[in-house]
Amino acid sequence: MSCKPTLKLVLAALALSVAGGALASTPLKPEEMIKFRKASYNFMAWNMGKIKGSLEGNFNKDEVAKAAAAIATVANSGLGALYAPGTDRDVGGEKTRLKSEFFQEPEKVREIAVNFNTQANEMAKIAATGDAKAIGAQFGKLGESCKACHDRYRVK
């Protein structure tokens, strides 16, 4: 058996990762930042809904663990890079509800963001245990961390 197909796959994967790295370092336009962060938050909201539904219905520890892991992954993905001056207004067909105050209070934003990240990581950790009561308690904390940002920096 020849190793050439495997080598070709490895080289192709390497080429894609280098190309992906180059694309990742290309600055995003404000409308792209808005689009990507909205997609990220919608994905997290969908997963929050799955957790809530499981807690309120037929509890499925595996689905809850997967949803919590997805939320933590997005929380740890560097979402902060999708916030830049100019992304607090509708741009290029992308609408946003971000208040301008977000950019005027960097320490408060950091505090809220760190708490959200902490709560998302804790949610994934607790969800992996399958303990519905502990998951419910942490789900409340995670929801409050989301609400803290929405209440302060999201136009209603």
Protein backbone atom coordinates (compact mmCIF):
# COMPACT_ATOMS: atom_id res chain seq x y z
CA MET A 1 0.00 0.00 0.00
CA SER A 2 1.33 3.41 -0.99
CA CYS A 3 1.60 6.39 1.33
CA LYS A 4 1.16 8.89 -1.53
CA PRO A 5 -2.62 9.38 -1.13
CA THR A 6 -2.16 10.02 2.59
CA LEU A 7 0.69 12.44 1.90
CA LYS A 8 -1.48 14.26 -0.64
CA LEU A 9 -4.27 14.56 1.93
CA VAL A 10 -1.87 15.90 4.54
CA LEU A 11 -0.45 18.42 2.07
CA ALA A 12 -3.94 19.47 0.99
CA ALA A 13 -4.99 19.93 4.63
CA LEU A 14 -1.84 21.96 5.31
CA ALA A 15 -2.50 24.15 2.27
CA LEU A 16 -6.08 24.74 3.40
CA SER A 17 -5.00 25.62 6.92
CA VAL A 18 -2.42 28.11 5.62
CA ALA A 19 -5.02 29.63 3.30
CA GLY A 20 -7.54 29.73 6.14
CA GLY A 21 -5.00 31.46 8.37
CA ALA A 22 -4.41 34.07 5.70
CA LEU A 23 -8.15 34.66 5.37
CA ALA A 24 -8.54 34.88 9.13
CA SER A 25 -5.95 37.64 9.27
CA THR A 26 -7.74 39.68 6.60
CA PRO A 27 -9.60 42.52 8.30
CA LEU A 28 -13.35 42.16 8.19
CA LYS A 29 -15.63 44.92 6.99
CA PRO A 30 -18.01 46.31 9.63
CA GLU A 31 -20.99 44.68 7.93
CA GLU A 32 -19.18 41.31 8.02
CA MET A 33 -18.49 41.74 11.73
CA ILE A 34 -22.17 42.42 12.37
CA LYS A 35 -23.24 39.47 10.22
CA PHE A 36 -20.86 37.01 11.89
CA ARG A 37 -21.62 38.09 15.45
CA LYS A 38 -25.38 37.92 14.81
CA ALA A 39 -24.92 34.41 13.43
CA SER A 40 -22.88 33.46 16.50
CA TYR A 41 -25.46 34.77 18.93
CA ASN A 42 -28.32 33.13 16.99
CA PHE A 43 -26.46 29.82 17.16
CA MET A 44 -25.97 30.21 20.90
CA ALA A 45 -29.64 31.17 21.36
CA TRP A 46 -30.70 28.03 19.49
CA ASN A 47 -28.53 25.94 21.81
CA MET A 48 -29.84 27.77 24.89
CA GLY A 49 -33.32 26.86 23.66
CA LYS A 50 -32.33 23.21 23.42
CA ILE A 51 -31.10 23.25 27.01
CA LYS A 52 -34.20 25.05 28.25
CA GLY A 53 -36.46 22.65 26.38
CA SER A 54 -34.69 19.66 27.85
CA LEU A 55 -34.91 21.09 31.36
CA GLU A 56 -38.62 21.77 30.94
CA GLY A 57 -39.47 18.54 29.11
CA ASN A 58 -37.86 15.16 28.73
CA PHE A 59 -34.34 15.72 30.06
CA ASN A 60 -31.68 14.47 27.65
CA LYS A 61 -28.26 14.78 29.25
CA ASP A 62 -26.38 14.08 26.00
CA GLU A 63 -28.23 16.80 24.07
CA VAL A 64 -27.76 19.25 26.93
CA ALA A 65 -24.03 18.49 27.08
CA LYS A 66 -23.69 19.00 23.31
CA ALA A 67 -25.61 22.27 23.41
CA ALA A 68 -23.59 23.57 26.36
CA ALA A 69 -20.32 22.61 24.63
CA ALA A 70 -21.44 24.49 21.51
CA ILE A 71 -22.20 27.61 23.55
CA ALA A 72 -18.82 27.43 25.29
CA THR A 73 -17.07 26.97 21.96
CA VAL A 74 -18.62 30.13 20.57
CA ALA A 75 -17.96 32.00 23.82
CA ASN A 76 -14.29 31.06 23.55
CA SER A 77 -14.00 31.84 19.84
CA GLY A 78 -12.89 35.44 20.14
CA LEU A 79 -16.22 37.18 19.60
CA GLY A 80 -14.67 40.41 20.81
CA ALA A 81 -12.93 40.74 17.45
CA LEU A 82 -16.37 41.24 15.87
CA TYR A 83 -16.87 44.52 17.72
CA ALA A 84 -15.18 47.57 16.25
CA PRO A 85 -16.09 51.22 15.92
CA GLY A 86 -18.69 51.53 13.20
CA THR A 87 -20.43 48.29 14.11
CA ASP A 88 -22.87 50.12 16.36
CA ARG A 89 -24.95 51.24 13.38
CA ASP A 90 -26.53 49.56 10.38
CA VAL A 91 -23.93 49.09 7.66
CA GLY A 92 -23.98 47.50 4.21
CA GLY A 93 -27.43 46.03 4.64
CA GLU A 94 -26.62 44.52 8.05
CA LYS A 95 -28.71 45.76 10.95
CA THR A 96 -27.46 45.91 14.51
CA ARG A 97 -28.96 46.71 17.89
CA LEU A 98 -25.62 47.50 19.55
CA LYS A 99 -25.65 50.74 21.52
CA SER A 100 -22.77 53.19 21.03
CA GLU A 101 -22.20 53.12 24.82
CA PHE A 102 -20.59 49.73 24.26
CA PHE A 103 -17.47 51.51 22.96
CA GLN A 104 -17.51 54.15 25.69
CA GLU A 105 -17.31 51.68 28.60
CA PRO A 106 -14.50 49.23 27.77
CA GLU A 107 -13.94 48.12 31.38
CA LYS A 108 -17.61 47.35 31.93
CA VAL A 109 -17.77 45.52 28.59
CA ARG A 110 -14.73 43.48 29.60
CA GLU A 111 -16.29 42.63 32.97
CA ILE A 112 -19.53 41.47 31.33
CA ALA A 113 -17.68 39.53 28.63
CA VAL A 114 -15.41 37.75 31.11
CA ASN A 115 -18.43 36.78 33.20
CA PHE A 116 -20.26 35.45 30.13
CA ASN A 117 -17.23 33.40 29.14
CA THR A 118 -16.86 32.06 32.68
CA GLN A 119 -20.54 31.11 32.88
CA ALA A 120 -20.48 29.45 29.44
CA ASN A 121 -17.45 27.36 30.37
CA GLU A 122 -19.01 26.42 33.70
CA MET A 123 -22.24 25.49 31.88
CA ALA A 124 -20.32 23.06 29.66
CA LYS A 125 -18.54 21.58 32.67
CA ILE A 126 -21.73 21.09 34.68
CA ALA A 127 -23.72 19.86 31.67
CA ALA A 128 -21.17 17.09 31.18
CA THR A 129 -22.12 15.71 34.62
CA GLY A 130 -25.75 15.16 33.60
CA ASP A 131 -27.03 16.56 36.91
CA ALA A 132 -30.29 18.24 35.84
CA LYS A 133 -30.65 20.28 39.03
CA ALA A 134 -27.10 21.68 38.80
CA ILE A 135 -27.55 22.29 35.07
CA GLY A 136 -30.74 24.24 35.76
CA ALA A 137 -28.98 26.42 38.33
CA GLN A 138 -26.05 27.11 36.01
CA PHE A 139 -28.40 27.72 33.08
CA GLY A 140 -29.89 30.56 35.12
CA LYS A 141 -26.45 32.05 35.73
CA LEU A 142 -25.57 31.77 32.06
CA GLY A 143 -28.83 33.46 31.09
CA GLU A 144 -28.15 36.28 33.55
CA SER A 145 -24.70 36.82 32.02
CA CYS A 146 -26.35 37.22 28.60
CA LYS A 147 -29.01 39.53 30.04
CA ALA A 148 -26.36 41.78 31.63
CA CYS A 149 -25.03 42.69 28.19
CA HIS A 150 -28.46 42.89 26.55
CA ASP A 151 -29.81 45.19 29.26
CA ARG A 152 -26.88 47.57 29.04
CA TYR A 153 -25.76 47.52 25.39
CA ARG A 154 -28.64 46.28 23.24
CA VAL A 155 -31.29 48.54 21.78
CA LYS A 156 -34.68 47.11 22.67
